[in-house]
Protein backbone atom coordinates (compact mmCIF):
# COMPACT_ATOMS: atom_id res chain seq x y z
CA MET A 1 28.31 -8.29 -25.20
CA THR A 2 27.64 -7.25 -21.60
CA SER A 3 24.57 -8.40 -19.73
CA ALA A 4 21.94 -5.88 -18.67
CA SER A 5 22.10 -4.60 -15.12
CA PRO A 6 19.35 -6.00 -12.88
CA PHE A 7 18.57 -2.38 -11.98
CA GLN A 8 18.33 -1.03 -15.52
CA VAL A 9 15.14 0.99 -15.95
CA VAL A 10 12.87 -0.30 -18.67
CA GLY A 11 12.26 2.26 -21.38
CA GLY A 12 9.03 3.80 -22.56
CA ASN A 13 8.39 0.97 -25.03
CA ASN A 14 8.17 -1.46 -22.12
CA PRO A 15 6.21 0.34 -19.40
CA LEU A 16 6.52 -1.09 -15.93
CA PRO A 17 3.44 -2.14 -13.97
CA GLU A 18 2.33 0.14 -11.17
CA TYR A 19 3.05 -1.04 -7.65
CA PRO A 20 -0.26 -1.87 -5.88
CA VAL A 21 -1.65 1.44 -4.70
CA GLU A 22 -3.19 -0.23 -1.64
CA LEU A 23 0.32 -0.82 -0.28
CA CYS A 24 1.48 2.78 -0.60
CA ASP A 25 0.10 3.83 2.79
CA ALA A 26 3.11 4.50 5.05
CA HIS A 27 1.07 3.48 8.11
CA LEU A 28 1.24 -0.14 6.97
CA THR A 29 4.93 -0.26 7.91
CA SER A 30 3.93 -0.24 11.58
CA ASP A 31 2.97 -3.93 11.51
CA TYR A 32 5.20 -5.95 13.84
CA PHE A 33 4.08 -9.41 12.65
CA THR A 34 4.60 -10.96 9.21
CA LEU A 35 2.97 -14.14 7.96
CA PHE A 36 5.59 -16.60 6.71
CA TRP A 37 4.68 -19.79 4.83
CA HIS A 38 7.64 -21.96 5.76
CA ASP A 39 6.46 -24.88 3.59
CA ARG A 40 6.58 -22.67 0.51
CA TRP A 41 10.03 -21.45 1.46
CA LEU A 42 11.40 -24.94 2.13
CA ALA A 43 10.11 -26.14 -1.26
CA SER A 44 11.40 -23.11 -3.17
CA LYS A 45 14.22 -23.17 -5.70
CA LEU A 46 15.90 -20.39 -3.74
CA HIS A 47 16.09 -22.51 -0.58
CA LEU A 48 16.98 -25.76 -2.34
CA LYS A 49 19.68 -24.49 -4.71
CA ALA A 50 21.06 -21.16 -3.52
CA PRO A 51 24.13 -20.90 -1.25
CA LEU A 52 23.35 -20.34 2.41
CA ALA A 53 24.58 -16.72 2.29
CA VAL A 54 22.19 -15.99 -0.58
CA GLN A 55 19.33 -17.65 1.29
CA GLY A 56 20.00 -15.55 4.38
CA ALA A 57 20.17 -12.35 2.37
CA ALA A 58 16.94 -13.23 0.55
CA LEU A 59 15.09 -13.93 3.80
CA ASN A 60 16.28 -10.68 5.33
CA LEU A 61 15.13 -8.80 2.24
CA PHE A 62 11.68 -10.39 2.55
CA PHE A 63 11.36 -9.03 6.08
CA LEU A 64 13.06 -5.70 5.38
CA ALA A 65 10.59 -5.09 2.56
CA ARG A 66 7.76 -5.01 5.12
CA LYS A 67 9.28 -1.82 6.54
CA GLN A 68 9.81 -0.05 3.23
CA SER A 69 7.56 2.46 1.54
CA PRO A 70 5.63 1.31 -0.39
CA VAL A 71 5.16 -1.69 1.84
CA GLY A 72 6.61 -4.92 0.49
CA SER A 73 8.96 -3.20 -1.96
CA LEU A 74 12.72 -2.81 -2.16
CA PRO A 75 14.78 0.00 -3.65
CA ALA A 76 16.14 -0.69 -7.12
CA ASP A 77 19.57 0.44 -6.01
CA GLU A 78 22.37 -2.01 -5.24
CA GLU A 79 24.09 0.32 -2.78
CA LEU A 80 20.91 0.79 -0.76
CA LEU A 81 20.24 -2.94 -0.80
CA ALA A 82 23.75 -3.63 0.47
CA ARG A 83 23.22 -1.08 3.25
CA LEU A 84 19.90 -2.62 4.22
CA LEU A 85 21.64 -5.98 4.57
CA ARG A 86 24.67 -4.37 6.25
CA VAL A 87 27.10 -5.99 3.85
CA ASP A 88 29.85 -4.56 1.70
CA LEU A 89 28.91 -3.70 -1.86
CA ALA A 90 31.49 -6.21 -3.07
CA ASP A 91 29.80 -8.96 -1.04
CA TRP A 92 26.42 -7.98 -2.45
CA ARG A 93 27.74 -8.09 -5.99
CA GLY A 94 29.23 -11.48 -5.27
CA MET A 95 25.83 -12.81 -4.24
CA MET A 96 24.23 -11.22 -7.28
CA ALA A 97 26.74 -13.08 -9.48
CA GLN A 98 25.39 -16.43 -8.28
CA PRO A 99 23.07 -18.48 -10.53
CA ILE A 100 20.31 -17.84 -8.00
CA THR A 101 20.50 -14.43 -6.36
CA PRO A 102 18.92 -12.78 -3.30
CA LEU A 103 16.59 -10.99 -5.75
CA HIS A 104 15.18 -14.23 -7.14
CA LYS A 105 11.74 -13.44 -8.63
CA TRP A 106 11.88 -9.76 -7.65
CA THR A 107 10.80 -7.57 -10.58
CA LYS A 108 10.57 -3.85 -11.27
CA PHE A 109 7.48 -1.71 -10.67
CA CYS A 110 6.67 1.97 -11.05
CA HIS A 111 5.92 3.95 -7.91
CA GLY A 112 5.28 7.55 -8.85
CA ASP A 113 8.43 8.74 -10.58
CA GLU A 114 10.52 5.98 -9.03
CA VAL A 115 11.28 2.37 -9.84
CA VAL A 116 11.01 -0.14 -7.01
CA LEU A 117 11.33 -3.90 -6.78
CA GLY A 118 8.44 -6.17 -5.88
CA HIS A 119 8.08 -9.89 -5.24
CA PRO A 120 4.78 -11.71 -5.93
CA VAL A 121 4.79 -13.62 -2.64
CA VAL A 122 5.77 -10.59 -0.56
CA ILE A 123 3.04 -8.53 -2.24
CA GLU A 124 0.56 -11.34 -1.60
CA ILE A 125 1.48 -11.43 2.09
CA CYS A 126 1.24 -7.64 2.37
CA MET A 127 -2.17 -7.60 0.68
CA ASP A 128 -3.33 -10.35 3.03
CA ALA A 129 -2.11 -8.34 6.01
CA LEU A 130 -3.94 -5.27 4.69
CA THR A 131 -7.17 -7.26 4.31
CA LYS A 132 -6.90 -8.63 7.84
CA ARG A 133 -6.17 -5.16 9.17
CA GLU A 134 -9.31 -3.83 7.50
CA GLU A 135 -11.35 -6.74 8.84
CA ARG A 136 -10.14 -6.03 12.37
CA LYS A 137 -11.11 -2.40 11.99
CA ALA A 138 -14.57 -3.36 10.82
CA SER A 139 -15.11 -5.95 13.57
CA ASN A 140 -16.41 -3.27 15.89
CA GLU A 141 -19.00 -1.96 13.48
CA GLY A 142 -20.48 0.65 15.75
CA LYS A 143 -17.11 2.19 16.51
CA ALA A 144 -16.09 2.06 12.86
CA VAL A 145 -19.26 3.85 11.77
CA ASN A 146 -18.87 6.51 14.44
CA MET A 147 -15.27 7.15 13.47
CA ARG A 148 -16.15 7.30 9.77
CA GLN A 149 -18.99 9.73 10.34
CA LYS A 150 -16.87 11.85 12.68
CA ARG A 151 -14.23 12.15 9.96
CA LEU A 152 -16.92 13.01 7.42
CA SER A 153 -18.12 15.83 9.66
CA GLU A 154 -14.54 17.09 10.05
CA MET A 155 -13.93 17.01 6.30
CA MET A 156 -17.15 18.91 5.68
CA GLN A 157 -15.96 21.60 8.09
CA GLU A 158 -12.60 21.74 6.32
CA MET A 159 -14.45 22.14 3.02
CA GLY A 160 -16.32 25.17 4.35
CA CYS A 161 -19.70 23.72 5.36
CA VAL A 162 -21.46 25.59 8.15
CA GLN A 163 -21.15 24.19 11.65
CA ALA A 164 -24.86 23.47 12.04
CA MET A 165 -24.79 21.19 9.01
CA CYS A 166 -21.62 19.43 10.18
CA GLN A 167 -23.27 18.71 13.54
CA ASP A 168 -26.56 17.46 12.08
CA ARG A 169 -26.37 13.76 13.00
CA VAL A 170 -29.27 12.74 10.75
CA LEU A 171 -27.72 14.52 7.79
CA ILE A 172 -24.27 13.05 8.49
CA GLU A 173 -25.75 9.54 8.66
CA ARG A 174 -27.58 10.05 5.36
CA LEU A 175 -24.50 11.46 3.66
CA ASP A 176 -22.38 8.61 5.03
CA ALA A 177 -24.85 6.04 3.70
CA TRP A 178 -24.85 7.75 0.29
CA LEU A 179 -21.04 7.72 0.22
CA MET A 180 -20.97 4.03 1.16
CA GLU A 181 -23.02 3.29 -1.95
CA ASN A 182 -21.55 5.80 -4.38
CA HIS A 183 -17.93 6.45 -3.39
CA HIS A 184 -15.55 3.73 -4.55
CA GLY A 185 -12.27 3.09 -2.78
CA GLN A 186 -10.92 4.57 0.41
CA ARG A 187 -11.98 8.00 1.59
CA ARG A 188 -8.87 9.89 0.63
CA ARG A 189 -8.36 13.29 -0.87
CA PRO A 190 -8.92 14.52 -3.48
CA GLN A 191 -11.42 11.83 -4.54
CA ILE A 192 -13.45 11.95 -1.33
CA GLU A 193 -13.92 15.73 -1.55
CA ALA A 194 -15.49 15.36 -4.98
CA SER A 195 -17.77 12.62 -3.64
CA ILE A 196 -18.80 14.72 -0.63
CA LYS A 197 -19.75 17.57 -2.96
CA ARG A 198 -21.88 15.17 -4.99
CA SER A 199 -23.49 13.85 -1.81
CA LEU A 200 -24.36 17.40 -0.73
CA GLU A 201 -25.89 18.12 -4.13
CA HIS A 202 -27.94 14.94 -3.79
CA ALA A 203 -28.96 15.96 -0.25
CA ALA A 204 -30.16 19.34 -1.51
CA ARG A 205 -32.24 17.73 -4.27
CA GLU A 206 -33.77 15.32 -1.77
CA GLY A 207 -34.61 18.11 0.66
CA TRP A 208 -32.33 16.83 3.42
CA ILE A 209 -30.84 20.29 3.86
CA GLY A 210 -31.90 23.84 3.13
CA GLN A 211 -30.13 25.88 0.49
CA GLN A 212 -28.83 28.24 3.19
CA ARG A 213 -26.82 25.36 4.68
CA LEU A 214 -24.81 24.54 1.54
């Protein structure tokens, strides 16, 4: 009986978990710094028991994953993994034949119609980096609000709102405040367009705008 390939796609009876949607923004690959908990690495089974070549490959994969899309993932393709590491496929297969492999604790996830590999620690680090990035953006609250409201005005124009309404600062501030309370998640299409329409309906009911401006 042959063993299952580590890249075998799980069938419909065993659906794969979705890769964290927060890490699917391609802009996150621009980070040039990665947090690395060396104490966790030095105490890991991979470091303590794997051959040095496997350890080196595993570390490189950790860092290479930060430049993949989605961020923190790896392709579930042995040829691509070998190319990322710049090793021959035979060398890669040799490392994968070890009791502890470079893909130690990497598991499969769904990403759209594709299957990717994810590692709990790498995902944790990427999520932490995303949180810190968002905190940095929010540190200058005035600038963040201005940018958010400017984008709201631009999206309203793209949706066909008249220019006078898009340039009404009081209205934009009220709509932005309503969206902050009622729109969940990031302001991305198509969800944000539906929320903007609801905010405009609310504005009309509240008398913030005249019917001719809708």
